[in-house]
Amino acid sequence: MNRHSGDHEQRAQWDAVVTALRRGQRIAITSHIDPDPDSIGSCLAVWHGLLSLDKQPVVVMADEVPHYLRFLSGADEILTLGRGQKNLLGDDRRFDTLVVVDCEPERTGGILPEELGDIVVVNIDHHVSNEAQVDHKVLVPQAAATAELIGQLLAQLQVPLTGESAQCLLAGLIGDTGSFAYGNTTPETHRFAAQLLEVGANSEEIHQQLFETVPFEFPGMLCRVLQRLHRSDDGRVAWIEIPLELVTKMKEIQMESERIVRYARMIQGVEVAALIREIAPGVCKVSLRSKAEVDVSQVAASLGGGGHRKAAGCTVTANLDETRDRVLAAIDQFMD
């Protein structure tokens, strides 16, 4: 993966990260709320690698692992803490190092304590909107998935890929590239995927788990959700808005946002798709997807969020109607 290690500054950043992980012993690994294949797969690959170095790693998440990712090796060892935890790393000093992957620490759901003490924070991410100031950070927006960067991390730690870690990383790649269909897929992405397959990753199993396995109740709930699909007068924007009551029922069958927003995105003529979910009274979660040249990371940033050019999100403190109006107005600002 030479594409990600070209300049001197980035090599120095990688060297600092590797040194920090070699020095650490009790290492917590975490990622963002509403975890996805790249976040869980990257966390677990780091966990497998550090175990092989005789470290004491633990993956800790604010939210539960989605059902479709529980097949990954080590998923049953992940600690789910709930959002807003403040003392995991702060009071009892259980850990000396915290590794945050696939997001900035502020998106971990409160796992990062307000008072860090001597805890060393390492951040590895590919989201261009990440502006976190931490001890050691590697940010490579050109990477298709954070899984690519974790592959490089393991190589620099001189940790051989195993079938288990390769399966975790390939799940991250497949998830963030839409099975290598999105525009972020590069020749380097395919070369890395080939390397993962060579050491035992099973792409068929990953595809089935990520895209072809749903609870029995899923189709019925999807029908209810798609009744809330709307389109702008010019047909360039489509969105789905879901009230809290329905969101709660969706959670019961673990119906993930990525599986929903794609239906708005696939409509002919649509350039930007949005999923707007009321996650608490007066609070909405927004997922944005672009199928053309509109940079939805800028849309999300204008609403206090971030992400990628073609996939981004934010949280808006407003009711469902007001959030929809804000989102559509923000999208309109960035469309030609």
C-alpha atoms as a PDB file:
ATOM      1  CA  MET A   1       0.000   0.000   0.000  1.00  0.00           C
ATOM      2  CA  ASN A   2       2.663   2.466  -1.024  1.00  0.00           C
ATOM      3  CA  ARG A   3       0.030   4.976  -2.113  1.00  0.00           C
ATOM      4  CA  HIS A   4      -0.587   5.807   1.541  1.00  0.00           C
ATOM      5  CA  SER A   5       3.042   6.246   2.639  1.00  0.00           C
ATOM      6  CA  GLY A   6       4.537   8.549   0.034  1.00  0.00           C
ATOM      7  CA  ASP A   7       5.543  11.691   1.850  1.00  0.00           C
ATOM      8  CA  HIS A   8       7.863  12.225   4.752  1.00  0.00           C
ATOM      9  CA  GLU A   9       5.218  13.716   7.038  1.00  0.00           C
ATOM     10  CA  GLN A  10       2.945  10.725   6.683  1.00  0.00           C
ATOM     11  CA  ARG A  11       5.810   8.295   7.254  1.00  0.00           C
ATOM     12  CA  ALA A  12       6.615  10.169  10.456  1.00  0.00           C
ATOM     13  CA  GLN A  13       2.979   9.918  11.537  1.00  0.00           C
ATOM     14  CA  TRP A  14       2.950   6.170  10.949  1.00  0.00           C
ATOM     15  CA  ASP A  15       6.229   5.772  12.826  1.00  0.00           C
ATOM     16  CA  ALA A  16       4.749   7.625  15.817  1.00  0.00           C
ATOM     17  CA  VAL A  17       1.620   5.463  15.798  1.00  0.00           C
ATOM     18  CA  VAL A  18       3.622   2.251  15.593  1.00  0.00           C
ATOM     19  CA  THR A  19       5.908   3.370  18.423  1.00  0.00           C
ATOM     20  CA  ALA A  20       2.937   4.258  20.621  1.00  0.00           C
ATOM     21  CA  LEU A  21       1.318   0.857  20.097  1.00  0.00           C
ATOM     22  CA  ARG A  22       4.557  -0.991  20.760  1.00  0.00           C
ATOM     23  CA  ARG A  23       4.962   0.914  24.017  1.00  0.00           C
ATOM     24  CA  GLY A  24       1.363   0.439  25.115  1.00  0.00           C
ATOM     25  CA  GLN A  25       0.192  -2.666  26.926  1.00  0.00           C
ATOM     26  CA  ARG A  26      -3.405  -2.178  28.094  1.00  0.00           C
ATOM     27  CA  ILE A  27      -4.970  -0.859  24.891  1.00  0.00           C
ATOM     28  CA  ALA A  28      -8.599   0.075  24.289  1.00  0.00           C
ATOM     29  CA  ILE A  29      -9.855   0.134  20.700  1.00  0.00           C
ATOM     30  CA  THR A  30     -13.035   1.927  19.670  1.00  0.00           C
ATOM     31  CA  SER A  31     -14.907   3.603  16.831  1.00  0.00           C
ATOM     32  CA  HIS A  32     -18.022   5.609  16.077  1.00  0.00           C
ATOM     33  CA  ILE A  33     -21.612   5.213  17.213  1.00  0.00           C
ATOM     34  CA  ASP A  34     -23.915   3.330  14.837  1.00  0.00           C
ATOM     35  CA  PRO A  35     -21.016   1.034  13.863  1.00  0.00           C
ATOM     36  CA  ASP A  36     -20.677  -0.298  10.325  1.00  0.00           C
ATOM     37  CA  PRO A  37     -18.510  -2.961   8.641  1.00  0.00           C
ATOM     38  CA  ASP A  38     -15.464  -0.702   8.336  1.00  0.00           C
ATOM     39  CA  SER A  39     -15.540   0.424  11.953  1.00  0.00           C
ATOM     40  CA  ILE A  40     -16.114  -3.035  13.442  1.00  0.00           C
ATOM     41  CA  GLY A  41     -13.836  -4.814  10.982  1.00  0.00           C
ATOM     42  CA  SER A  42     -11.012  -2.323  11.561  1.00  0.00           C
ATOM     43  CA  CYS A  43     -11.357  -2.493  15.354  1.00  0.00           C
ATOM     44  CA  LEU A  44     -11.271  -6.295  15.337  1.00  0.00           C
ATOM     45  CA  ALA A  45      -8.279  -6.440  12.991  1.00  0.00           C
ATOM     46  CA  VAL A  46      -6.339  -4.145  15.345  1.00  0.00           C
ATOM     47  CA  TRP A  47      -7.456  -6.347  18.250  1.00  0.00           C
ATOM     48  CA  HIS A  48      -6.229  -9.538  16.550  1.00  0.00           C
ATOM     49  CA  GLY A  49      -2.920  -7.878  15.686  1.00  0.00           C
ATOM     50  CA  LEU A  50      -2.260  -6.582  19.191  1.00  0.00           C
ATOM     51  CA  LEU A  51      -3.134  -9.948  20.708  1.00  0.00           C
ATOM     52  CA  SER A  52      -0.413 -11.512  18.575  1.00  0.00           C
ATOM     53  CA  LEU A  53       2.049  -9.003  20.072  1.00  0.00           C
ATOM     54  CA  ASP A  54       1.137 -10.149  23.606  1.00  0.00           C
ATOM     55  CA  LYS A  55      -0.682  -6.924  24.383  1.00  0.00           C
ATOM     56  CA  GLN A  56      -3.894  -6.683  26.394  1.00  0.00           C
ATOM     57  CA  PRO A  57      -6.343  -5.128  23.898  1.00  0.00           C
ATOM     58  CA  VAL A  58     -10.074  -4.678  24.397  1.00  0.00           C
ATOM     59  CA  VAL A  59     -12.576  -3.406  21.845  1.00  0.00           C
ATOM     60  CA  VAL A  60     -15.117  -1.119  23.502  1.00  0.00           C
ATOM     61  CA  MET A  61     -18.104   0.397  21.696  1.00  0.00           C
ATOM     62  CA  ALA A  62     -20.921   2.678  22.749  1.00  0.00           C
ATOM     63  CA  ASP A  63     -23.453   0.809  20.579  1.00  0.00           C
ATOM     64  CA  GLU A  64     -24.049  -2.884  20.047  1.00  0.00           C
ATOM     65  CA  VAL A  65     -22.470  -4.729  17.158  1.00  0.00           C
ATOM     66  CA  PRO A  66     -25.060  -5.048  14.344  1.00  0.00           C
ATOM     67  CA  HIS A  67     -26.349  -8.588  13.928  1.00  0.00           C
ATOM     68  CA  TYR A  68     -24.919  -8.904  10.408  1.00  0.00           C
ATOM     69  CA  LEU A  69     -21.366  -8.330  11.710  1.00  0.00           C
ATOM     70  CA  ARG A  70     -21.402 -10.796  14.580  1.00  0.00           C
ATOM     71  CA  PHE A  71     -19.940 -13.491  12.347  1.00  0.00           C
ATOM     72  CA  LEU A  72     -16.556 -11.732  12.448  1.00  0.00           C
ATOM     73  CA  SER A  73     -13.935 -13.367  14.646  1.00  0.00           C
ATOM     74  CA  GLY A  74     -13.751 -11.573  17.985  1.00  0.00           C
ATOM     75  CA  ALA A  75     -17.119  -9.811  17.696  1.00  0.00           C
ATOM     76  CA  ASP A  76     -18.397 -11.678  20.745  1.00  0.00           C
ATOM     77  CA  GLU A  77     -15.520 -10.200  22.793  1.00  0.00           C
ATOM     78  CA  ILE A  78     -16.512  -6.578  22.141  1.00  0.00           C
ATOM     79  CA  LEU A  79     -17.686  -4.689  25.220  1.00  0.00           C
ATOM     80  CA  THR A  80     -20.818  -2.600  24.675  1.00  0.00           C
ATOM     81  CA  LEU A  81     -20.956   0.261  27.151  1.00  0.00           C
ATOM     82  CA  GLY A  82     -23.849   2.454  26.083  1.00  0.00           C
ATOM     83  CA  ARG A  83     -23.483   6.075  25.107  1.00  0.00           C
ATOM     84  CA  GLY A  84     -22.251   8.764  27.463  1.00  0.00           C
ATOM     85  CA  GLN A  85     -19.745   6.714  29.442  1.00  0.00           C
ATOM     86  CA  LYS A  86     -17.206   9.064  30.988  1.00  0.00           C
ATOM     87  CA  ASN A  87     -15.092   6.958  33.323  1.00  0.00           C
ATOM     88  CA  LEU A  88     -14.051   3.902  31.321  1.00  0.00           C
ATOM     89  CA  LEU A  89     -10.621   5.331  30.594  1.00  0.00           C
ATOM     90  CA  GLY A  90     -10.531   8.163  33.095  1.00  0.00           C
ATOM     91  CA  ASP A  91     -11.048   7.003  36.669  1.00  0.00           C
ATOM     92  CA  ASP A  92      -9.637   3.513  37.123  1.00  0.00           C
ATOM     93  CA  ARG A  93      -6.780   3.791  34.582  1.00  0.00           C
ATOM     94  CA  ARG A  94      -7.569   0.382  33.134  1.00  0.00           C
ATOM     95  CA  PHE A  95      -5.891   1.390  29.870  1.00  0.00           C
ATOM     96  CA  ASP A  96      -2.719   3.219  28.928  1.00  0.00           C
ATOM     97  CA  THR A  97      -3.567   3.668  25.246  1.00  0.00           C
ATOM     98  CA  LEU A  98      -6.743   4.373  23.269  1.00  0.00           C
ATOM     99  CA  VAL A  99      -6.961   3.616  19.547  1.00  0.00           C
ATOM    100  CA  VAL A 100      -9.823   5.370  17.739  1.00  0.00           C
ATOM    101  CA  VAL A 101     -10.427   4.102  14.203  1.00  0.00           C
ATOM    102  CA  ASP A 102     -12.681   5.294  11.381  1.00  0.00           C
ATOM    103  CA  CYS A 103     -13.760   8.506  13.139  1.00  0.00           C
ATOM    104  CA  GLU A 104     -12.643  11.353  15.360  1.00  0.00           C
ATOM    105  CA  PRO A 105     -12.835  10.676  19.138  1.00  0.00           C
ATOM    106  CA  GLU A 106     -15.853  12.958  19.491  1.00  0.00           C
ATOM    107  CA  ARG A 107     -17.976  10.443  17.553  1.00  0.00           C
ATOM    108  CA  THR A 108     -17.356   7.505  19.873  1.00  0.00           C
ATOM    109  CA  GLY A 109     -20.457   8.160  21.971  1.00  0.00           C
ATOM    110  CA  GLY A 110     -18.657   9.498  25.034  1.00  0.00           C
ATOM    111  CA  ILE A 111     -16.096   6.727  25.489  1.00  0.00           C
ATOM    112  CA  LEU A 112     -13.257   9.252  25.440  1.00  0.00           C
ATOM    113  CA  PRO A 113     -13.052  10.743  28.963  1.00  0.00           C
ATOM    114  CA  GLU A 114     -12.872  14.461  29.589  1.00  0.00           C
ATOM    115  CA  GLU A 115      -9.723  14.015  31.642  1.00  0.00           C
ATOM    116  CA  LEU A 116      -7.271  11.747  29.834  1.00  0.00           C
ATOM    117  CA  GLY A 117      -4.406  11.796  32.294  1.00  0.00           C
ATOM    118  CA  ASP A 118      -1.540   9.750  30.878  1.00  0.00           C
ATOM    119  CA  ILE A 119      -3.628   7.869  28.314  1.00  0.00           C
ATOM    120  CA  VAL A 120      -2.114   8.090  24.818  1.00  0.00           C
ATOM    121  CA  VAL A 121      -4.703   8.591  22.076  1.00  0.00           C
ATOM    122  CA  VAL A 122      -4.049   7.203  18.585  1.00  0.00           C
ATOM    123  CA  ASN A 123      -6.419   8.097  15.744  1.00  0.00           C
ATOM    124  CA  ILE A 124      -6.495   6.320  12.350  1.00  0.00           C
ATOM    125  CA  ASP A 125      -9.122   7.468   9.864  1.00  0.00           C
ATOM    126  CA  HIS A 126      -9.983   8.195   6.234  1.00  0.00           C
ATOM    127  CA  HIS A 127     -12.713  10.824   6.724  1.00  0.00           C
ATOM    128  CA  VAL A 128     -11.578  14.173   5.350  1.00  0.00           C
ATOM    129  CA  SER A 129     -13.739  15.983   7.923  1.00  0.00           C
ATOM    130  CA  ASN A 130     -11.697  14.615  10.846  1.00  0.00           C
ATOM    131  CA  GLU A 131     -10.014  17.587  12.550  1.00  0.00           C
ATOM    132  CA  ALA A 132      -9.264  15.896  15.870  1.00  0.00           C
ATOM    133  CA  GLN A 133      -6.201  16.974  17.825  1.00  0.00           C
ATOM    134  CA  VAL A 134      -4.750  13.882  19.501  1.00  0.00           C
ATOM    135  CA  ASP A 135      -1.340  12.506  20.456  1.00  0.00           C
ATOM    136  CA  HIS A 136      -0.798  10.535  17.250  1.00  0.00           C
ATOM    137  CA  LYS A 137      -2.922  10.616  14.119  1.00  0.00           C
ATOM    138  CA  VAL A 138      -2.914   9.209  10.598  1.00  0.00           C
ATOM    139  CA  LEU A 139      -5.563  10.612   8.269  1.00  0.00           C
ATOM    140  CA  VAL A 140      -5.648   9.409   4.656  1.00  0.00           C
ATOM    141  CA  PRO A 141      -8.793  10.578   2.839  1.00  0.00           C
ATOM    142  CA  GLN A 142      -7.719   8.773  -0.341  1.00  0.00           C
ATOM    143  CA  ALA A 143      -8.167   5.384   1.313  1.00  0.00           C
ATOM    144  CA  ALA A 144     -11.384   3.632   0.313  1.00  0.00           C
ATOM    145  CA  ALA A 145     -11.846   2.390   3.867  1.00  0.00           C
ATOM    146  CA  THR A 146     -10.068   2.605   7.183  1.00  0.00           C
ATOM    147  CA  ALA A 147      -9.534  -1.143   6.739  1.00  0.00           C
ATOM    148  CA  GLU A 148      -6.905  -0.295   4.103  1.00  0.00           C
ATOM    149  CA  LEU A 149      -5.020   1.756   6.674  1.00  0.00           C
ATOM    150  CA  ILE A 150      -5.265  -0.944   9.320  1.00  0.00           C
ATOM    151  CA  GLY A 151      -3.726  -3.339   6.832  1.00  0.00           C
ATOM    152  CA  GLN A 152      -0.797  -0.956   6.553  1.00  0.00           C
ATOM    153  CA  LEU A 153      -0.632  -0.598  10.338  1.00  0.00           C
ATOM    154  CA  LEU A 154      -0.390  -4.371  10.822  1.00  0.00           C
ATOM    155  CA  ALA A 155       2.342  -4.566   8.202  1.00  0.00           C
ATOM    156  CA  GLN A 156       4.362  -1.857   9.952  1.00  0.00           C
ATOM    157  CA  LEU A 157       3.867  -3.644  13.272  1.00  0.00           C
ATOM    158  CA  GLN A 158       5.232  -6.735  11.483  1.00  0.00           C
ATOM    159  CA  VAL A 159       2.061  -8.650  12.276  1.00  0.00           C
ATOM    160  CA  PRO A 160       1.271 -11.272   9.602  1.00  0.00           C
ATOM    161  CA  LEU A 161      -2.292 -11.301   8.319  1.00  0.00           C
ATOM    162  CA  THR A 162      -4.337 -14.290   9.437  1.00  0.00           C
ATOM    163  CA  GLY A 163      -7.595 -15.610   8.043  1.00  0.00           C
ATOM    164  CA  GLU A 164      -9.448 -14.000  10.955  1.00  0.00           C
ATOM    165  CA  SER A 165      -7.933 -10.530  10.610  1.00  0.00           C
ATOM    166  CA  ALA A 166      -8.198 -10.694   6.807  1.00  0.00           C
ATOM    167  CA  GLN A 167     -11.911 -11.500   7.067  1.00  0.00           C
ATOM    168  CA  CYS A 168     -12.418  -8.460   9.307  1.00  0.00           C
ATOM    169  CA  LEU A 169     -10.540  -6.160   6.930  1.00  0.00           C
ATOM    170  CA  LEU A 170     -12.284  -7.462   3.813  1.00  0.00           C
ATOM    171  CA  ALA A 171     -15.645  -6.854   5.489  1.00  0.00           C
ATOM    172  CA  GLY A 172     -14.556  -3.250   6.007  1.00  0.00           C
ATOM    173  CA  LEU A 173     -13.518  -2.898   2.375  1.00  0.00           C
ATOM    174  CA  ILE A 174     -16.690  -4.452   1.009  1.00  0.00           C
ATOM    175  CA  GLY A 175     -18.868  -2.379   3.310  1.00  0.00           C
ATOM    176  CA  ASP A 176     -17.327   1.001   2.515  1.00  0.00           C
ATOM    177  CA  THR A 177     -17.060   0.375  -1.229  1.00  0.00           C
ATOM    178  CA  GLY A 178     -20.472  -1.230  -1.720  1.00  0.00           C
ATOM    179  CA  SER A 179     -18.844  -4.461  -2.882  1.00  0.00           C
ATOM    180  CA  PHE A 180     -16.295  -2.420  -4.856  1.00  0.00           C
ATOM    181  CA  ALA A 181     -19.036  -0.577  -6.759  1.00  0.00           C
ATOM    182  CA  TYR A 182     -18.533   2.947  -5.386  1.00  0.00           C
ATOM    183  CA  GLY A 183     -16.260   5.587  -6.862  1.00  0.00           C
ATOM    184  CA  ASN A 184     -13.846   5.360  -3.913  1.00  0.00           C
ATOM    185  CA  THR A 185     -12.680   1.939  -5.167  1.00  0.00           C
ATOM    186  CA  THR A 186      -9.171   2.099  -6.636  1.00  0.00           C
ATOM    187  CA  PRO A 187      -6.702  -0.383  -8.114  1.00  0.00           C
ATOM    188  CA  GLU A 188      -4.969  -0.332  -4.740  1.00  0.00           C
ATOM    189  CA  THR A 189      -8.229  -1.353  -3.072  1.00  0.00           C
ATOM    190  CA  HIS A 190      -8.493  -4.393  -5.344  1.00  0.00           C
ATOM    191  CA  ARG A 191      -4.847  -5.320  -4.771  1.00  0.00           C
ATOM    192  CA  PHE A 192      -5.358  -5.221  -1.022  1.00  0.00           C
ATOM    193  CA  ALA A 193      -8.543  -7.279  -1.345  1.00  0.00           C
ATOM    194  CA  ALA A 194      -6.610  -9.878  -3.342  1.00  0.00           C
ATOM    195  CA  GLN A 195      -4.021 -10.027  -0.580  1.00  0.00           C
ATOM    196  CA  LEU A 196      -6.775 -10.630   1.988  1.00  0.00           C
ATOM    197  CA  LEU A 197      -8.304 -13.385  -0.131  1.00  0.00           C
ATOM    198  CA  GLU A 198      -4.921 -15.064  -0.463  1.00  0.00           C
ATOM    199  CA  VAL A 199      -4.638 -15.487   3.311  1.00  0.00           C
ATOM    200  CA  GLY A 200      -8.139 -16.896   3.751  1.00  0.00           C
ATOM    201  CA  ALA A 201     -10.782 -14.155   3.714  1.00  0.00           C
ATOM    202  CA  ASN A 202     -14.138 -15.423   2.447  1.00  0.00           C
ATOM    203  CA  SER A 203     -15.824 -12.808   0.248  1.00  0.00           C
ATOM    204  CA  GLU A 204     -18.932 -14.931  -0.353  1.00  0.00           C
ATOM    205  CA  GLU A 205     -19.649 -15.196   3.373  1.00  0.00           C
ATOM    206  CA  ILE A 206     -19.099 -11.466   3.840  1.00  0.00           C
ATOM    207  CA  HIS A 207     -21.413 -10.535   0.975  1.00  0.00           C
ATOM    208  CA  GLN A 208     -24.140 -12.830   2.256  1.00  0.00           C
ATOM    209  CA  GLN A 209     -23.914 -11.451   5.786  1.00  0.00           C
ATOM    210  CA  LEU A 210     -23.765  -7.797   4.733  1.00  0.00           C
ATOM    211  CA  PHE A 211     -26.278  -7.748   1.901  1.00  0.00           C
ATOM    212  CA  GLU A 212     -28.333 -10.935   1.815  1.00  0.00           C
ATOM    213  CA  THR A 213     -29.212 -11.748   5.421  1.00  0.00           C
ATOM    214  CA  VAL A 214     -32.105  -9.996   7.187  1.00  0.00           C
ATOM    215  CA  PRO A 215     -34.621 -10.922   9.903  1.00  0.00           C
ATOM    216  CA  PHE A 216     -37.992 -12.257   8.798  1.00  0.00           C
ATOM    217  CA  GLU A 217     -39.644  -8.977   9.830  1.00  0.00           C
ATOM    218  CA  PHE A 218     -37.375  -6.896   7.606  1.00  0.00           C
ATOM    219  CA  PRO A 219     -39.429  -6.927   4.363  1.00  0.00           C
ATOM    220  CA  GLY A 220     -42.607  -5.837   6.136  1.00  0.00           C
ATOM    221  CA  MET A 221     -40.824  -3.026   7.925  1.00  0.00           C
ATOM    222  CA  LEU A 222     -39.150  -1.964   4.685  1.00  0.00           C
ATOM    223  CA  CYS A 223     -42.577  -1.573   3.081  1.00  0.00           C
ATOM    224  CA  ARG A 224     -43.617   0.774   5.893  1.00  0.00           C
ATOM    225  CA  VAL A 225     -40.392   2.750   5.605  1.00  0.00           C
ATOM    226  CA  LEU A 226     -40.585   3.157   1.828  1.00  0.00           C
ATOM    227  CA  GLN A 227     -44.078   4.619   2.151  1.00  0.00           C
ATOM    228  CA  ARG A 228     -42.220   7.631   3.583  1.00  0.00           C
ATOM    229  CA  LEU A 229     -40.085   8.108   0.474  1.00  0.00           C
ATOM    230  CA  HIS A 230     -40.329  11.554  -1.122  1.00  0.00           C
ATOM    231  CA  ARG A 231     -38.774  13.269  -4.127  1.00  0.00           C
ATOM    232  CA  SER A 232     -38.138  16.911  -4.986  1.00  0.00           C
ATOM    233  CA  ASP A 233     -40.082  18.552  -7.798  1.00  0.00           C
ATOM    234  CA  ASP A 234     -37.082  18.390 -10.128  1.00  0.00           C
ATOM    235  CA  GLY A 235     -36.386  14.747  -9.215  1.00  0.00           C
ATOM    236  CA  ARG A 236     -32.780  15.414  -8.163  1.00  0.00           C
ATOM    237  CA  VAL A 237     -33.247  14.814  -4.434  1.00  0.00           C
ATOM    238  CA  ALA A 238     -35.004  11.926  -2.703  1.00  0.00           C
ATOM    239  CA  TRP A 239     -35.414  11.440   1.013  1.00  0.00           C
ATOM    240  CA  ILE A 240     -37.022   9.172   3.576  1.00  0.00           C
ATOM    241  CA  GLU A 241     -38.187  10.618   6.883  1.00  0.00           C
ATOM    242  CA  ILE A 242     -38.932   8.279   9.764  1.00  0.00           C
ATOM    243  CA  PRO A 243     -40.589   9.287  13.072  1.00  0.00           C
ATOM    244  CA  LEU A 244     -39.343   8.095  16.441  1.00  0.00           C
ATOM    245  CA  GLU A 245     -42.054   5.463  16.871  1.00  0.00           C
ATOM    246  CA  LEU A 246     -41.065   3.709  13.670  1.00  0.00           C
ATOM    247  CA  VAL A 247     -37.341   4.116  14.369  1.00  0.00           C
ATOM    248  CA  THR A 248     -37.835   2.290  17.667  1.00  0.00           C
ATOM    249  CA  LYS A 249     -39.493  -0.627  15.889  1.00  0.00           C
ATOM    250  CA  MET A 250     -36.711  -0.652  13.291  1.00  0.00           C
ATOM    251  CA  LYS A 251     -34.132  -1.001  16.045  1.00  0.00           C
ATOM    252  CA  GLU A 252     -35.946  -4.050  17.375  1.00  0.00           C
ATOM    253  CA  ILE A 253     -35.203  -5.888  14.123  1.00  0.00           C
ATOM    254  CA  GLN A 254     -31.812  -4.175  13.710  1.00  0.00           C
ATOM    255  CA  MET A 255     -32.703  -2.424  10.476  1.00  0.00           C
ATOM    256  CA  GLU A 256     -29.624  -0.394   9.553  1.00  0.00           C
ATOM    257  CA  SER A 257     -29.713   2.988   7.852  1.00  0.00           C
ATOM    258  CA  GLU A 258     -27.366   1.930   5.031  1.00  0.00           C
ATOM    259  CA  ARG A 259     -29.844  -0.694   3.892  1.00  0.00           C
ATOM    260  CA  ILE A 260     -32.579   1.949   3.696  1.00  0.00           C
ATOM    261  CA  VAL A 261     -30.965   5.015   2.163  1.00  0.00           C
ATOM    262  CA  ARG A 262     -29.827   3.052  -0.892  1.00  0.00           C
ATOM    263  CA  TYR A 263     -33.460   2.790  -2.025  1.00  0.00           C
ATOM    264  CA  ALA A 264     -33.697   6.583  -2.237  1.00  0.00           C
ATOM    265  CA  ARG A 265     -30.303   6.743  -3.946  1.00  0.00           C
ATOM    266  CA  MET A 266     -31.141   4.226  -6.684  1.00  0.00           C
ATOM    267  CA  ILE A 267     -34.102   6.185  -8.097  1.00  0.00           C
ATOM    268  CA  GLN A 268     -33.491   7.346 -11.648  1.00  0.00           C
ATOM    269  CA  GLY A 269     -32.549  11.015 -11.818  1.00  0.00           C
ATOM    270  CA  VAL A 270     -31.736  11.313  -8.118  1.00  0.00           C
ATOM    271  CA  GLU A 271     -28.390  12.963  -7.368  1.00  0.00           C
ATOM    272  CA  VAL A 272     -28.625  13.222  -3.568  1.00  0.00           C
ATOM    273  CA  ALA A 273     -30.446  10.872  -1.198  1.00  0.00           C
ATOM    274  CA  ALA A 274     -31.162  11.464   2.481  1.00  0.00           C
ATOM    275  CA  LEU A 275     -32.450   9.356   5.333  1.00  0.00           C
ATOM    276  CA  ILE A 276     -33.804  11.425   8.222  1.00  0.00           C
ATOM    277  CA  ARG A 277     -34.513   9.489  11.413  1.00  0.00           C
ATOM    278  CA  GLU A 278     -35.929  10.923  14.621  1.00  0.00           C
ATOM    279  CA  ILE A 279     -33.757   9.212  17.241  1.00  0.00           C
ATOM    280  CA  ALA A 280     -35.110  11.111  20.269  1.00  0.00           C
ATOM    281  CA  PRO A 281     -37.737  13.818  20.792  1.00  0.00           C
ATOM    282  CA  GLY A 282     -36.360  16.860  18.994  1.00  0.00           C
ATOM    283  CA  VAL A 283     -33.225  15.062  17.725  1.00  0.00           C
ATOM    284  CA  CYS A 284     -32.742  13.629  14.225  1.00  0.00           C
ATOM    285  CA  LYS A 285     -29.991  11.584  12.625  1.00  0.00           C
ATOM    286  CA  VAL A 286     -29.334  12.339   8.948  1.00  0.00           C
ATOM    287  CA  SER A 287     -27.557  10.054   6.468  1.00  0.00           C
ATOM    288  CA  LEU A 288     -26.620  11.589   3.109  1.00  0.00           C
ATOM    289  CA  ARG A 289     -25.568   9.858  -0.104  1.00  0.00           C
ATOM    290  CA  SER A 290     -24.523  11.368  -3.441  1.00  0.00           C
ATOM    291  CA  LYS A 291     -24.795   9.686  -6.836  1.00  0.00           C
ATOM    292  CA  ALA A 292     -23.385  12.574  -8.853  1.00  0.00           C
ATOM    293  CA  GLU A 293     -20.983  15.453  -8.239  1.00  0.00           C
ATOM    294  CA  VAL A 294     -22.623  16.952  -5.156  1.00  0.00           C
ATOM    295  CA  ASP A 295     -20.240  16.797  -2.184  1.00  0.00           C
ATOM    296  CA  VAL A 296     -22.483  15.687   0.675  1.00  0.00           C
ATOM    297  CA  SER A 297     -19.620  16.027   3.167  1.00  0.00           C
ATOM    298  CA  GLN A 298     -20.020  19.779   2.695  1.00  0.00           C
ATOM    299  CA  VAL A 299     -23.766  19.479   3.179  1.00  0.00           C
ATOM    300  CA  ALA A 300     -23.216  17.537   6.393  1.00  0.00           C
ATOM    301  CA  ALA A 301     -20.535  19.948   7.594  1.00  0.00           C
ATOM    302  CA  SER A 302     -22.937  22.877   7.172  1.00  0.00           C
ATOM    303  CA  LEU A 303     -25.249  21.040   9.579  1.00  0.00           C
ATOM    304  CA  GLY A 304     -22.541  20.186  12.093  1.00  0.00           C
ATOM    305  CA  GLY A 305     -21.560  16.767  10.746  1.00  0.00           C
ATOM    306  CA  GLY A 306     -19.068  15.351   8.261  1.00  0.00           C
ATOM    307  CA  GLY A 307     -18.000  12.365   6.227  1.00  0.00           C
ATOM    308  CA  HIS A 308     -17.019  11.625   2.650  1.00  0.00           C
ATOM    309  CA  ARG A 309     -17.793  13.313  -0.650  1.00  0.00           C
ATOM    310  CA  LYS A 310     -20.455  10.733  -1.501  1.00  0.00           C
ATOM    311  CA  ALA A 311     -21.433   9.484   1.968  1.00  0.00           C
ATOM    312  CA  ALA A 312     -21.829  11.692   5.022  1.00  0.00           C
ATOM    313  CA  GLY A 313     -24.079  12.379   7.974  1.00  0.00           C
ATOM    314  CA  CYS A 314     -24.973  14.610  10.866  1.00  0.00           C
ATOM    315  CA  THR A 315     -27.210  14.960  13.897  1.00  0.00           C
ATOM    316  CA  VAL A 316     -29.674  17.850  14.001  1.00  0.00           C
ATOM    317  CA  THR A 317     -31.344  19.105  17.162  1.00  0.00           C
ATOM    318  CA  ALA A 318     -34.819  19.773  15.802  1.00  0.00           C
ATOM    319  CA  ASN A 319     -38.068  17.953  15.160  1.00  0.00           C
ATOM    320  CA  LEU A 320     -38.558  15.866  12.049  1.00  0.00           C
ATOM    321  CA  ASP A 321     -40.249  18.563   9.955  1.00  0.00           C
ATOM    322  CA  GLU A 322     -37.712  21.251  10.797  1.00  0.00           C
ATOM    323  CA  THR A 323     -34.809  18.873  10.214  1.00  0.00           C
ATOM    324  CA  ARG A 324     -36.147  17.938   6.793  1.00  0.00           C
ATOM    325  CA  ASP A 325     -36.450  21.602   5.853  1.00  0.00           C
ATOM    326  CA  ARG A 326     -32.898  22.321   7.031  1.00  0.00           C
ATOM    327  CA  VAL A 327     -31.469  19.327   5.197  1.00  0.00           C
ATOM    328  CA  LEU A 328     -33.202  20.127   1.908  1.00  0.00           C
ATOM    329  CA  ALA A 329     -32.127  23.768   2.136  1.00  0.00           C
ATOM    330  CA  ALA A 330     -28.528  22.715   2.814  1.00  0.00           C
ATOM    331  CA  ILE A 331     -28.549  20.297  -0.119  1.00  0.00           C
ATOM    332  CA  ASP A 332     -29.898  23.021  -2.385  1.00  0.00           C
ATOM    333  CA  GLN A 333     -26.956  25.288  -1.472  1.00  0.00           C
ATOM    334  CA  PHE A 334     -24.454  22.774  -2.838  1.00  0.00           C
ATOM    335  CA  MET A 335     -26.262  21.732  -5.999  1.00  0.00           C
ATOM    336  CA  ASP A 336     -25.605  23.437  -9.334  1.00  0.00           C
END
